[in-house]
Amino acid sequence: MLGLVDKTAAVLLDSGEEHNEADYAEVLLLNEVPLDEEDDRKCDDMPCEVSLEEMEGDSDHLPAATMFCFDCSQKSCDRCCRPHKRMTGGAHQAKPLGAEVEQELIQLRGSYCDTHKDKKVELYCHDCYENICLMCSATKHRNHNNFEISEAADDFRVRIDDDDEAVQSAVSAVREESKQTKQVAVEFRTEVENVKKSVLAAGDEIKRWVNDQITDILRHLESVTSESGKQAASVEETYQLALASMESFHRCSRELLDKGRPSDITRAPCELRDRAAKLLNNDVTAVKYRPPHVIFTPADVKQIKRLNVIGKVTVTSGSQQGMKCQPWKFLLNI
């Protein structure tokens, strides 16, 4: 930026014409190069223009430029800038180099007419929405609604203040809506967590109910198994008793036949005959073990799914009240 200041000042000075602050500002701002902190740091590297002219371009031992004179469009060191403050026609406007100079130039440019660079703006054209000078009002804006800038500024100031109050009111409304939204969001999350707990509780209840049914069925099966086992044991006991009696008869009869005397045989036939008849008449084979048939018919899972035994979650859309914002209008009624 300071390099640009050098070149701009040189161009204006070499033209041989008189220039005011607006000329310098116009040339400077057309380049659209901002003054930033880096430019401020480079100020020490820029030589004083006055000392540079006196030493005929030898910049090796020149003092650094630290001031800028708007009247002369010249940058200089503190020592060379002192005479500008004691000019016969009045002290010149001198400012330290840096970002403040740029702001001064911007303000300076805004006070001059865009069409007639050497004329200051004094009127505001409501038809063209721009500041104009007296020459513009007599030519291009002659039949337009032109008012003094101060008067128009007062009207604009009131309307800007009204719009600002409306915006501030809207800001308060939005902040309140934001606060309520956050609160509602927290309440919603709490509600969902409670619903989750209810779902889990219902699921646990269904699980307990199913487990109870399973337990009842298993107990019933154990009971049936136990009863059937008793029946099987009773039948087996009958078989074993019959076998013991028949085997005892078999041993006695064989012993009698093998070892007994004829007189022993003739004495025992009636008794043995009665025992044999009794054993044969008692048909233990008619006693049968007939266990029950056990069949499990599972429930129809598809039917159970249709029943929705857990329950159902219903989600209803909440009513939302949106804030209606009027479009921002900036009109001057005249």
C-alpha atoms as a PDB file:
ATOM      1  CA  MET A   1       0.000   0.000   0.000  1.00  0.00           C
ATOM      2  CA  LEU A   2       2.786   2.417   0.822  1.00  0.00           C
ATOM      3  CA  GLY A   3       4.373   1.640  -2.532  1.00  0.00           C
ATOM      4  CA  LEU A   4       1.084   2.552  -4.124  1.00  0.00           C
ATOM      5  CA  VAL A   5       1.035   5.818  -2.108  1.00  0.00           C
ATOM      6  CA  ASP A   6       4.463   6.618  -3.552  1.00  0.00           C
ATOM      7  CA  LYS A   7       3.384   5.990  -7.123  1.00  0.00           C
ATOM      8  CA  THR A   8       0.062   7.798  -6.698  1.00  0.00           C
ATOM      9  CA  ALA A   9       1.696  10.869  -5.175  1.00  0.00           C
ATOM     10  CA  ALA A  10       4.329  10.875  -7.924  1.00  0.00           C
ATOM     11  CA  VAL A  11       1.710  10.696 -10.680  1.00  0.00           C
ATOM     12  CA  LEU A  12      -0.307  13.566  -9.212  1.00  0.00           C
ATOM     13  CA  LEU A  13       2.741  15.729  -8.511  1.00  0.00           C
ATOM     14  CA  ASP A  14       4.309  15.122 -11.937  1.00  0.00           C
ATOM     15  CA  SER A  15       1.098  16.147 -13.696  1.00  0.00           C
ATOM     16  CA  GLY A  16       1.806  19.801 -12.794  1.00  0.00           C
ATOM     17  CA  GLU A  17      -1.851  20.406 -11.926  1.00  0.00           C
ATOM     18  CA  GLU A  18      -3.427  21.316  -8.632  1.00  0.00           C
ATOM     19  CA  HIS A  19      -5.067  18.431  -6.812  1.00  0.00           C
ATOM     20  CA  ASN A  20      -7.096  18.197  -3.648  1.00  0.00           C
ATOM     21  CA  GLU A  21      -7.630  15.407  -1.177  1.00  0.00           C
ATOM     22  CA  ALA A  22     -10.408  13.839  -3.251  1.00  0.00           C
ATOM     23  CA  ASP A  23      -8.114  13.440  -6.282  1.00  0.00           C
ATOM     24  CA  TYR A  24      -5.586  11.586  -4.227  1.00  0.00           C
ATOM     25  CA  ALA A  25      -8.284   9.475  -2.522  1.00  0.00           C
ATOM     26  CA  GLU A  26      -9.892   8.621  -5.855  1.00  0.00           C
ATOM     27  CA  VAL A  27      -6.658   7.358  -7.377  1.00  0.00           C
ATOM     28  CA  LEU A  28      -5.799   5.484  -4.209  1.00  0.00           C
ATOM     29  CA  LEU A  29      -9.180   3.788  -3.791  1.00  0.00           C
ATOM     30  CA  LEU A  30      -9.462   2.761  -7.425  1.00  0.00           C
ATOM     31  CA  ASN A  31      -6.575   0.394  -6.802  1.00  0.00           C
ATOM     32  CA  GLU A  32      -8.562  -1.272  -3.975  1.00  0.00           C
ATOM     33  CA  VAL A  33      -5.446  -2.135  -1.991  1.00  0.00           C
ATOM     34  CA  PRO A  34      -6.234  -2.116   1.771  1.00  0.00           C
ATOM     35  CA  LEU A  35      -3.923  -0.918   4.473  1.00  0.00           C
ATOM     36  CA  ASP A  36      -3.373  -3.714   6.926  1.00  0.00           C
ATOM     37  CA  GLU A  37      -1.091  -4.502   9.803  1.00  0.00           C
ATOM     38  CA  GLU A  38       1.560  -5.841   7.468  1.00  0.00           C
ATOM     39  CA  ASP A  39       1.661  -2.462   5.709  1.00  0.00           C
ATOM     40  CA  ASP A  40       2.080  -0.779   9.090  1.00  0.00           C
ATOM     41  CA  ARG A  41       5.053  -3.003   9.793  1.00  0.00           C
ATOM     42  CA  LYS A  42       6.556  -2.033   6.435  1.00  0.00           C
ATOM     43  CA  CYS A  43       6.363   1.688   7.170  1.00  0.00           C
ATOM     44  CA  ASP A  44       9.877   1.600   8.571  1.00  0.00           C
ATOM     45  CA  ASP A  45      11.150   0.398   5.190  1.00  0.00           C
ATOM     46  CA  MET A  46       9.643   3.347   3.270  1.00  0.00           C
ATOM     47  CA  PRO A  47      12.033   6.323   2.875  1.00  0.00           C
ATOM     48  CA  CYS A  48      11.047   9.908   3.544  1.00  0.00           C
ATOM     49  CA  GLU A  49      10.136  11.504   0.198  1.00  0.00           C
ATOM     50  CA  VAL A  50      11.459  14.948   1.198  1.00  0.00           C
ATOM     51  CA  SER A  51      14.826  13.521   2.247  1.00  0.00           C
ATOM     52  CA  LEU A  52      14.879  11.356  -0.875  1.00  0.00           C
ATOM     53  CA  GLU A  53      14.551  14.436  -3.139  1.00  0.00           C
ATOM     54  CA  GLU A  54      17.234  16.313  -1.227  1.00  0.00           C
ATOM     55  CA  MET A  55      19.717  13.404  -1.447  1.00  0.00           C
ATOM     56  CA  GLU A  56      18.944  12.801  -5.137  1.00  0.00           C
ATOM     57  CA  GLY A  57      17.639   9.261  -4.840  1.00  0.00           C
ATOM     58  CA  ASP A  58      20.235   7.859  -2.445  1.00  0.00           C
ATOM     59  CA  SER A  59      18.012   5.826  -0.100  1.00  0.00           C
ATOM     60  CA  ASP A  60      20.685   3.922   1.792  1.00  0.00           C
ATOM     61  CA  HIS A  61      20.777   6.300   4.759  1.00  0.00           C
ATOM     62  CA  LEU A  62      17.352   7.958   4.556  1.00  0.00           C
ATOM     63  CA  PRO A  63      15.021   8.219   7.540  1.00  0.00           C
ATOM     64  CA  ALA A  64      11.846   6.164   7.338  1.00  0.00           C
ATOM     65  CA  ALA A  65       8.553   7.828   6.394  1.00  0.00           C
ATOM     66  CA  THR A  66       6.125   7.890   9.285  1.00  0.00           C
ATOM     67  CA  MET A  67       3.662  10.689   8.361  1.00  0.00           C
ATOM     68  CA  PHE A  68       1.392  11.440   5.430  1.00  0.00           C
ATOM     69  CA  CYS A  69       0.297  14.999   4.496  1.00  0.00           C
ATOM     70  CA  PHE A  70      -3.109  15.091   2.834  1.00  0.00           C
ATOM     71  CA  ASP A  71      -2.585  18.629   1.557  1.00  0.00           C
ATOM     72  CA  CYS A  72       0.681  17.789  -0.200  1.00  0.00           C
ATOM     73  CA  SER A  73      -0.052  14.097  -0.871  1.00  0.00           C
ATOM     74  CA  GLN A  74       3.401  13.378   0.483  1.00  0.00           C
ATOM     75  CA  LYS A  75       4.847  11.046   3.081  1.00  0.00           C
ATOM     76  CA  SER A  76       7.772  12.102   5.207  1.00  0.00           C
ATOM     77  CA  CYS A  77       9.592  11.496   8.442  1.00  0.00           C
ATOM     78  CA  ASP A  78       8.699  13.280  11.660  1.00  0.00           C
ATOM     79  CA  ARG A  79      11.383  15.960  11.171  1.00  0.00           C
ATOM     80  CA  CYS A  80      10.386  16.812   7.579  1.00  0.00           C
ATOM     81  CA  CYS A  81       6.694  16.831   8.528  1.00  0.00           C
ATOM     82  CA  ARG A  82       7.109  19.607  11.131  1.00  0.00           C
ATOM     83  CA  PRO A  83       7.095  22.484   8.567  1.00  0.00           C
ATOM     84  CA  HIS A  84       3.695  21.252   7.268  1.00  0.00           C
ATOM     85  CA  LYS A  85       2.230  22.058  10.668  1.00  0.00           C
ATOM     86  CA  ARG A  86       3.504  25.685  10.506  1.00  0.00           C
ATOM     87  CA  MET A  87       2.412  26.701   6.996  1.00  0.00           C
ATOM     88  CA  THR A  88       1.566  30.380   6.470  1.00  0.00           C
ATOM     89  CA  GLY A  89      -1.877  29.573   5.071  1.00  0.00           C
ATOM     90  CA  GLY A  90      -2.635  27.228   7.898  1.00  0.00           C
ATOM     91  CA  ALA A  91      -1.373  23.941   9.197  1.00  0.00           C
ATOM     92  CA  HIS A  92      -1.636  21.014   6.816  1.00  0.00           C
ATOM     93  CA  GLN A  93      -3.508  17.870   7.710  1.00  0.00           C
ATOM     94  CA  ALA A  94      -0.878  15.248   8.510  1.00  0.00           C
ATOM     95  CA  LYS A  95      -1.536  11.801   9.898  1.00  0.00           C
ATOM     96  CA  PRO A  96       0.692   8.882  10.876  1.00  0.00           C
ATOM     97  CA  LEU A  97       0.966   6.245   8.179  1.00  0.00           C
ATOM     98  CA  GLY A  98      -1.183   3.160   8.736  1.00  0.00           C
ATOM     99  CA  ALA A  99      -4.739   1.906   8.651  1.00  0.00           C
ATOM    100  CA  GLU A 100      -6.116   5.197   9.998  1.00  0.00           C
ATOM    101  CA  VAL A 101      -4.933   6.959   6.861  1.00  0.00           C
ATOM    102  CA  GLU A 102      -7.012   4.613   4.731  1.00  0.00           C
ATOM    103  CA  GLN A 103     -10.112   5.374   6.795  1.00  0.00           C
ATOM    104  CA  GLU A 104      -9.475   9.085   6.411  1.00  0.00           C
ATOM    105  CA  LEU A 105      -9.200   8.685   2.643  1.00  0.00           C
ATOM    106  CA  ILE A 106     -12.423   6.706   2.488  1.00  0.00           C
ATOM    107  CA  GLN A 107     -14.287   9.377   4.433  1.00  0.00           C
ATOM    108  CA  LEU A 108     -12.656  12.043   2.308  1.00  0.00           C
ATOM    109  CA  ARG A 109     -13.764  10.365  -0.902  1.00  0.00           C
ATOM    110  CA  GLY A 110     -17.336   9.977   0.389  1.00  0.00           C
ATOM    111  CA  SER A 111     -17.671  13.752   0.830  1.00  0.00           C
ATOM    112  CA  TYR A 112     -16.959  14.517  -2.836  1.00  0.00           C
ATOM    113  CA  CYS A 113     -19.172  14.052  -5.854  1.00  0.00           C
ATOM    114  CA  ASP A 114     -18.647  10.928  -7.947  1.00  0.00           C
ATOM    115  CA  THR A 115     -19.188  12.892 -11.174  1.00  0.00           C
ATOM    116  CA  HIS A 116     -17.482  16.179 -10.345  1.00  0.00           C
ATOM    117  CA  LYS A 117     -14.436  15.143  -8.382  1.00  0.00           C
ATOM    118  CA  ASP A 118     -13.628  18.624  -7.077  1.00  0.00           C
ATOM    119  CA  LYS A 119     -17.135  19.350  -5.798  1.00  0.00           C
ATOM    120  CA  LYS A 120     -18.418  18.346  -2.424  1.00  0.00           C
ATOM    121  CA  VAL A 121     -21.791  16.659  -2.172  1.00  0.00           C
ATOM    122  CA  GLU A 122     -24.505  18.814  -0.608  1.00  0.00           C
ATOM    123  CA  LEU A 123     -27.770  17.257  -1.769  1.00  0.00           C
ATOM    124  CA  TYR A 124     -29.444  13.851  -1.821  1.00  0.00           C
ATOM    125  CA  CYS A 125     -31.491  12.736  -4.839  1.00  0.00           C
ATOM    126  CA  HIS A 126     -34.440  10.619  -3.753  1.00  0.00           C
ATOM    127  CA  ASP A 127     -35.151   9.579  -7.340  1.00  0.00           C
ATOM    128  CA  CYS A 128     -31.641   8.181  -7.938  1.00  0.00           C
ATOM    129  CA  TYR A 129     -30.797   7.294  -4.304  1.00  0.00           C
ATOM    130  CA  GLU A 130     -27.414   9.023  -4.358  1.00  0.00           C
ATOM    131  CA  ASN A 131     -25.532  12.025  -2.997  1.00  0.00           C
ATOM    132  CA  ILE A 132     -24.940  14.795  -5.537  1.00  0.00           C
ATOM    133  CA  CYS A 133     -23.278  18.183  -5.766  1.00  0.00           C
ATOM    134  CA  LEU A 134     -24.900  21.486  -6.751  1.00  0.00           C
ATOM    135  CA  MET A 135     -23.663  21.136 -10.327  1.00  0.00           C
ATOM    136  CA  CYS A 136     -25.354  17.735 -10.620  1.00  0.00           C
ATOM    137  CA  SER A 137     -28.612  19.182  -9.263  1.00  0.00           C
ATOM    138  CA  ALA A 138     -28.524  21.849 -11.975  1.00  0.00           C
ATOM    139  CA  THR A 139     -27.890  19.376 -14.806  1.00  0.00           C
ATOM    140  CA  LYS A 140     -28.598  15.645 -14.622  1.00  0.00           C
ATOM    141  CA  HIS A 141     -30.809  15.870 -11.496  1.00  0.00           C
ATOM    142  CA  ARG A 142     -32.480  19.187 -12.261  1.00  0.00           C
ATOM    143  CA  ASN A 143     -36.092  17.932 -12.164  1.00  0.00           C
ATOM    144  CA  HIS A 144     -35.541  15.326  -9.434  1.00  0.00           C
ATOM    145  CA  ASN A 145     -36.559  15.408  -5.790  1.00  0.00           C
ATOM    146  CA  ASN A 146     -33.411  16.779  -4.231  1.00  0.00           C
ATOM    147  CA  PHE A 147     -33.019  17.619  -0.568  1.00  0.00           C
ATOM    148  CA  GLU A 148     -30.213  18.757   1.627  1.00  0.00           C
ATOM    149  CA  ILE A 149     -28.135  15.851   2.873  1.00  0.00           C
ATOM    150  CA  SER A 150     -28.663  16.807   6.507  1.00  0.00           C
ATOM    151  CA  GLU A 151     -32.448  16.814   6.079  1.00  0.00           C
ATOM    152  CA  ALA A 152     -32.451  13.491   4.240  1.00  0.00           C
ATOM    153  CA  ALA A 153     -30.033  12.040   6.806  1.00  0.00           C
ATOM    154  CA  ASP A 154     -32.363  13.030   9.656  1.00  0.00           C
ATOM    155  CA  ASP A 155     -35.259  11.250   7.946  1.00  0.00           C
ATOM    156  CA  PHE A 156     -33.112   8.220   7.199  1.00  0.00           C
ATOM    157  CA  ARG A 157     -31.823   8.214  10.767  1.00  0.00           C
ATOM    158  CA  VAL A 158     -35.354   7.988  12.170  1.00  0.00           C
ATOM    159  CA  ARG A 159     -36.273   5.173   9.803  1.00  0.00           C
ATOM    160  CA  ILE A 160     -33.050   3.304  10.464  1.00  0.00           C
ATOM    161  CA  ASP A 161     -33.691   3.631  14.183  1.00  0.00           C
ATOM    162  CA  ASP A 162     -37.243   2.305  13.735  1.00  0.00           C
ATOM    163  CA  ASP A 163     -36.002  -0.598  11.647  1.00  0.00           C
ATOM    164  CA  ASP A 164     -33.304  -1.309  14.220  1.00  0.00           C
ATOM    165  CA  GLU A 165     -35.912  -1.409  16.990  1.00  0.00           C
ATOM    166  CA  ALA A 166     -38.013  -3.794  14.899  1.00  0.00           C
ATOM    167  CA  VAL A 167     -34.987  -5.991  14.271  1.00  0.00           C
ATOM    168  CA  GLN A 168     -34.089  -5.947  17.956  1.00  0.00           C
ATOM    169  CA  SER A 169     -37.644  -6.980  18.756  1.00  0.00           C
ATOM    170  CA  ALA A 170     -37.332  -9.796  16.243  1.00  0.00           C
ATOM    171  CA  VAL A 171     -34.005 -10.773  17.830  1.00  0.00           C
ATOM    172  CA  SER A 172     -35.707 -11.029  21.223  1.00  0.00           C
ATOM    173  CA  ALA A 173     -38.485 -13.121  19.711  1.00  0.00           C
ATOM    174  CA  VAL A 174     -36.019 -15.444  17.988  1.00  0.00           C
ATOM    175  CA  ARG A 175     -33.982 -15.830  21.168  1.00  0.00           C
ATOM    176  CA  GLU A 176     -37.134 -16.683  23.110  1.00  0.00           C
ATOM    177  CA  GLU A 177     -38.128 -19.208  20.437  1.00  0.00           C
ATOM    178  CA  SER A 178     -34.611 -20.648  20.570  1.00  0.00           C
ATOM    179  CA  LYS A 179     -34.824 -20.954  24.349  1.00  0.00           C
ATOM    180  CA  GLN A 180     -38.227 -22.628  24.152  1.00  0.00           C
ATOM    181  CA  THR A 181     -37.033 -24.954  21.384  1.00  0.00           C
ATOM    182  CA  LYS A 182     -34.113 -26.116  23.505  1.00  0.00           C
ATOM    183  CA  GLN A 183     -36.401 -26.674  26.470  1.00  0.00           C
ATOM    184  CA  VAL A 184     -38.940 -28.573  24.345  1.00  0.00           C
ATOM    185  CA  ALA A 185     -36.116 -30.667  22.859  1.00  0.00           C
ATOM    186  CA  VAL A 186     -34.951 -31.626  26.367  1.00  0.00           C
ATOM    187  CA  GLU A 187     -38.521 -32.491  27.379  1.00  0.00           C
ATOM    188  CA  PHE A 188     -38.949 -34.539  24.212  1.00  0.00           C
ATOM    189  CA  ARG A 189     -35.796 -36.547  24.890  1.00  0.00           C
ATOM    190  CA  THR A 190     -37.010 -37.164  28.456  1.00  0.00           C
ATOM    191  CA  GLU A 191     -40.379 -38.299  27.119  1.00  0.00           C
ATOM    192  CA  VAL A 192     -38.719 -40.695  24.673  1.00  0.00           C
ATOM    193  CA  GLU A 193     -36.552 -42.142  27.440  1.00  0.00           C
ATOM    194  CA  ASN A 194     -39.673 -42.742  29.545  1.00  0.00           C
ATOM    195  CA  VAL A 195     -41.361 -44.455  26.589  1.00  0.00           C
ATOM    196  CA  LYS A 196     -38.275 -46.646  26.143  1.00  0.00           C
ATOM    197  CA  LYS A 197     -38.514 -47.665  29.791  1.00  0.00           C
ATOM    198  CA  SER A 198     -42.208 -48.486  29.324  1.00  0.00           C
ATOM    199  CA  VAL A 199     -41.437 -50.611  26.266  1.00  0.00           C
ATOM    200  CA  LEU A 200     -38.734 -52.508  28.140  1.00  0.00           C
ATOM    201  CA  ALA A 201     -41.044 -52.983  31.121  1.00  0.00           C
ATOM    202  CA  ALA A 202     -43.803 -54.343  28.859  1.00  0.00           C
ATOM    203  CA  GLY A 203     -41.276 -56.636  27.201  1.00  0.00           C
ATOM    204  CA  ASP A 204     -40.088 -57.909  30.572  1.00  0.00           C
ATOM    205  CA  GLU A 205     -43.683 -58.565  31.597  1.00  0.00           C
ATOM    206  CA  ILE A 206     -44.307 -60.538  28.407  1.00  0.00           C
ATOM    207  CA  LYS A 207     -41.069 -62.469  28.977  1.00  0.00           C
ATOM    208  CA  ARG A 208     -42.156 -63.320  32.521  1.00  0.00           C
ATOM    209  CA  TRP A 209     -45.570 -64.413  31.242  1.00  0.00           C
ATOM    210  CA  VAL A 210     -43.952 -66.627  28.580  1.00  0.00           C
ATOM    211  CA  ASN A 211     -41.491 -68.030  31.107  1.00  0.00           C
ATOM    212  CA  ASP A 212     -44.366 -68.795  33.489  1.00  0.00           C
ATOM    213  CA  GLN A 213     -46.193 -70.660  30.736  1.00  0.00           C
ATOM    214  CA  ILE A 214     -43.028 -72.613  29.909  1.00  0.00           C
ATOM    215  CA  THR A 215     -42.565 -73.477  33.561  1.00  0.00           C
ATOM    216  CA  ASP A 216     -46.181 -74.671  33.878  1.00  0.00           C
ATOM    217  CA  ILE A 217     -45.880 -76.884  30.804  1.00  0.00           C
ATOM    218  CA  LEU A 218     -42.596 -78.370  31.993  1.00  0.00           C
ATOM    219  CA  ARG A 219     -44.065 -79.059  35.418  1.00  0.00           C
ATOM    220  CA  HIS A 220     -47.033 -80.774  33.803  1.00  0.00           C
ATOM    221  CA  LEU A 221     -44.682 -82.912  31.717  1.00  0.00           C
ATOM    222  CA  GLU A 222     -42.705 -83.816  34.853  1.00  0.00           C
ATOM    223  CA  SER A 223     -45.920 -84.810  36.593  1.00  0.00           C
ATOM    224  CA  VAL A 224     -47.040 -86.962  33.668  1.00  0.00           C
ATOM    225  CA  THR A 225     -43.600 -88.562  33.499  1.00  0.00           C
ATOM    226  CA  SER A 226     -43.627 -89.310  37.214  1.00  0.00           C
ATOM    227  CA  GLU A 227     -47.112 -90.854  37.108  1.00  0.00           C
ATOM    228  CA  SER A 228     -46.274 -92.911  34.074  1.00  0.00           C
ATOM    229  CA  GLY A 229     -43.082 -94.067  35.782  1.00  0.00           C
ATOM    230  CA  LYS A 230     -45.096 -95.290  38.759  1.00  0.00           C
ATOM    231  CA  GLN A 231     -47.376 -97.246  36.464  1.00  0.00           C
ATOM    232  CA  ALA A 232     -44.425 -98.807  34.688  1.00  0.00           C
ATOM    233  CA  ALA A 233     -42.878 -99.761  38.037  1.00  0.00           C
ATOM    234  CA  SER A 234     -46.147-101.359  39.208  1.00  0.00           C
ATOM    235  CA  VAL A 235     -46.438-103.432  36.045  1.00  0.00           C
ATOM    236  CA  GLU A 236     -42.823-104.480  36.341  1.00  0.00           C
ATOM    237  CA  GLU A 237     -43.347-105.507  39.963  1.00  0.00           C
ATOM    238  CA  THR A 238     -46.327-107.690  38.936  1.00  0.00           C
ATOM    239  CA  TYR A 239     -44.198-109.315  36.295  1.00  0.00           C
ATOM    240  CA  GLN A 240     -41.359-109.985  38.718  1.00  0.00           C
ATOM    241  CA  LEU A 241     -43.682-111.516  41.348  1.00  0.00           C
ATOM    242  CA  ALA A 242     -45.240-113.804  38.763  1.00  0.00           C
ATOM    243  CA  LEU A 243     -41.829-114.819  37.518  1.00  0.00           C
ATOM    244  CA  ALA A 244     -40.666-115.579  41.039  1.00  0.00           C
ATOM    245  CA  SER A 245     -43.710-117.796  41.698  1.00  0.00           C
ATOM    246  CA  MET A 246     -43.395-119.670  38.402  1.00  0.00           C
ATOM    247  CA  GLU A 247     -39.645-120.146  38.802  1.00  0.00           C
ATOM    248  CA  SER A 248     -40.247-121.461  42.362  1.00  0.00           C
ATOM    249  CA  PHE A 249     -42.773-123.990  41.032  1.00  0.00           C
ATOM    250  CA  HIS A 250     -40.333-124.983  38.341  1.00  0.00           C
ATOM    251  CA  ARG A 251     -37.546-125.648  40.879  1.00  0.00           C
ATOM    252  CA  CYS A 252     -39.784-127.620  43.211  1.00  0.00           C
ATOM    253  CA  SER A 253     -41.242-129.794  40.483  1.00  0.00           C
ATOM    254  CA  ARG A 254     -37.858-130.503  38.966  1.00  0.00           C
ATOM    255  CA  GLU A 255     -36.345-131.376  42.314  1.00  0.00           C
ATOM    256  CA  LEU A 256     -39.224-133.701  43.053  1.00  0.00           C
ATOM    257  CA  LEU A 257     -38.921-135.448  39.747  1.00  0.00           C
ATOM    258  CA  ASP A 258     -35.145-135.688  39.869  1.00  0.00           C
ATOM    259  CA  LYS A 259     -34.595-136.575  43.520  1.00  0.00           C
ATOM    260  CA  GLY A 260     -37.928-137.654  44.987  1.00  0.00           C
ATOM    261  CA  ARG A 261     -38.981-141.219  45.740  1.00  0.00           C
ATOM    262  CA  PRO A 262     -42.011-142.699  44.165  1.00  0.00           C
ATOM    263  CA  SER A 263     -43.871-142.304  47.390  1.00  0.00           C
ATOM    264  CA  ASP A 264     -42.925-138.571  47.449  1.00  0.00           C
ATOM    265  CA  ILE A 265     -44.209-138.147  43.934  1.00  0.00           C
ATOM    266  CA  THR A 266     -47.506-139.800  44.673  1.00  0.00           C
ATOM    267  CA  ARG A 267     -47.989-137.645  47.729  1.00  0.00           C
ATOM    268  CA  ALA A 268     -47.479-134.241  45.976  1.00  0.00           C
ATOM    269  CA  PRO A 269     -49.251-134.336  42.603  1.00  0.00           C
ATOM    270  CA  CYS A 270     -52.467-132.758  43.773  1.00  0.00           C
ATOM    271  CA  GLU A 271     -50.756-129.873  45.468  1.00  0.00           C
ATOM    272  CA  LEU A 272     -48.450-129.251  42.527  1.00  0.00           C
ATOM    273  CA  ARG A 273     -51.346-129.504  40.157  1.00  0.00           C
ATOM    274  CA  ASP A 274     -53.284-126.853  42.045  1.00  0.00           C
ATOM    275  CA  ARG A 275     -50.268-124.528  42.114  1.00  0.00           C
ATOM    276  CA  ALA A 276     -49.700-124.948  38.389  1.00  0.00           C
ATOM    277  CA  ALA A 277     -53.376-124.252  37.661  1.00  0.00           C
ATOM    278  CA  LYS A 278     -53.303-121.181  39.832  1.00  0.00           C
ATOM    279  CA  LEU A 279     -50.138-119.885  38.130  1.00  0.00           C
ATOM    280  CA  LEU A 280     -51.514-120.495  34.669  1.00  0.00           C
ATOM    281  CA  ASN A 281     -54.877-118.961  35.453  1.00  0.00           C
ATOM    282  CA  ASN A 282     -53.163-115.786  36.676  1.00  0.00           C
ATOM    283  CA  ASP A 283     -52.267-114.312  33.224  1.00  0.00           C
ATOM    284  CA  VAL A 284     -49.878-111.574  34.165  1.00  0.00           C
ATOM    285  CA  THR A 285     -49.238-110.866  30.486  1.00  0.00           C
ATOM    286  CA  ALA A 286     -52.634-109.214  30.419  1.00  0.00           C
ATOM    287  CA  VAL A 287     -51.151-106.488  32.588  1.00  0.00           C
ATOM    288  CA  LYS A 288     -49.724-103.938  30.149  1.00  0.00           C
ATOM    289  CA  TYR A 289     -47.798-100.721  30.589  1.00  0.00           C
ATOM    290  CA  ARG A 290     -49.467 -98.187  28.362  1.00  0.00           C
ATOM    291  CA  PRO A 291     -47.790 -94.757  28.689  1.00  0.00           C
ATOM    292  CA  PRO A 292     -49.702 -91.714  27.469  1.00  0.00           C
ATOM    293  CA  HIS A 293     -48.834 -90.042  24.177  1.00  0.00           C
ATOM    294  CA  VAL A 294     -47.350 -86.565  24.694  1.00  0.00           C
ATOM    295  CA  ILE A 295     -47.538 -84.061  21.831  1.00  0.00           C
ATOM    296  CA  PHE A 296     -46.597 -80.402  21.968  1.00  0.00           C
ATOM    297  CA  THR A 297     -48.388 -78.036  19.609  1.00  0.00           C
ATOM    298  CA  PRO A 298     -46.550 -74.696  19.545  1.00  0.00           C
ATOM    299  CA  ALA A 299     -48.497 -71.489  19.275  1.00  0.00           C
ATOM    300  CA  ASP A 300     -48.823 -69.901  15.860  1.00  0.00           C
ATOM    301  CA  VAL A 301     -46.039 -67.329  15.876  1.00  0.00           C
ATOM    302  CA  LYS A 302     -47.599 -65.476  12.976  1.00  0.00           C
ATOM    303  CA  GLN A 303     -50.819 -65.033  14.916  1.00  0.00           C
ATOM    304  CA  ILE A 304     -48.880 -63.864  17.968  1.00  0.00           C
ATOM    305  CA  LYS A 305     -47.035 -61.284  15.868  1.00  0.00           C
ATOM    306  CA  ARG A 306     -50.352 -59.935  14.625  1.00  0.00           C
ATOM    307  CA  LEU A 307     -51.575 -59.571  18.197  1.00  0.00           C
ATOM    308  CA  ASN A 308     -48.747 -57.089  18.958  1.00  0.00           C
ATOM    309  CA  VAL A 309     -48.471 -58.334  22.523  1.00  0.00           C
ATOM    310  CA  ILE A 310     -45.931 -55.679  23.541  1.00  0.00           C
ATOM    311  CA  GLY A 311     -47.920 -52.636  22.518  1.00  0.00           C
ATOM    312  CA  LYS A 312     -47.681 -49.830  19.958  1.00  0.00           C
ATOM    313  CA  VAL A 313     -45.922 -46.483  19.867  1.00  0.00           C
ATOM    314  CA  THR A 314     -47.920 -43.606  18.429  1.00  0.00           C
ATOM    315  CA  VAL A 315     -46.082 -40.516  17.211  1.00  0.00           C
ATOM    316  CA  THR A 316     -48.116 -37.392  16.580  1.00  0.00           C
ATOM    317  CA  SER A 317     -46.664 -34.299  14.951  1.00  0.00           C
ATOM    318  CA  GLY A 318     -46.458 -31.378  17.327  1.00  0.00           C
ATOM    319  CA  SER A 319     -47.885 -28.005  16.301  1.00  0.00           C
ATOM    320  CA  GLN A 320     -45.163 -25.507  15.463  1.00  0.00           C
ATOM    321  CA  GLN A 321     -45.734 -21.818  15.509  1.00  0.00           C
ATOM    322  CA  GLY A 322     -43.383 -20.123  13.132  1.00  0.00           C
ATOM    323  CA  MET A 323     -42.459 -16.490  13.528  1.00  0.00           C
ATOM    324  CA  LYS A 324     -43.493 -14.376  10.595  1.00  0.00           C
ATOM    325  CA  CYS A 325     -40.860 -11.808   9.698  1.00  0.00           C
ATOM    326  CA  GLN A 326     -41.842  -8.845   7.615  1.00  0.00           C
ATOM    327  CA  PRO A 327     -39.399  -7.982   4.819  1.00  0.00           C
ATOM    328  CA  TRP A 328     -37.078  -5.142   5.742  1.00  0.00           C
ATOM    329  CA  LYS A 329     -38.095  -2.019   3.845  1.00  0.00           C
ATOM    330  CA  PHE A 330     -36.097   1.139   3.751  1.00  0.00           C
ATOM    331  CA  LEU A 331     -38.164   3.790   2.045  1.00  0.00           C
ATOM    332  CA  LEU A 332     -38.263   7.524   2.481  1.00  0.00           C
ATOM    333  CA  ASN A 333     -41.745   8.986   2.106  1.00  0.00           C
ATOM    334  CA  ILE A 334     -41.577  12.503   0.780  1.00  0.00           C
END
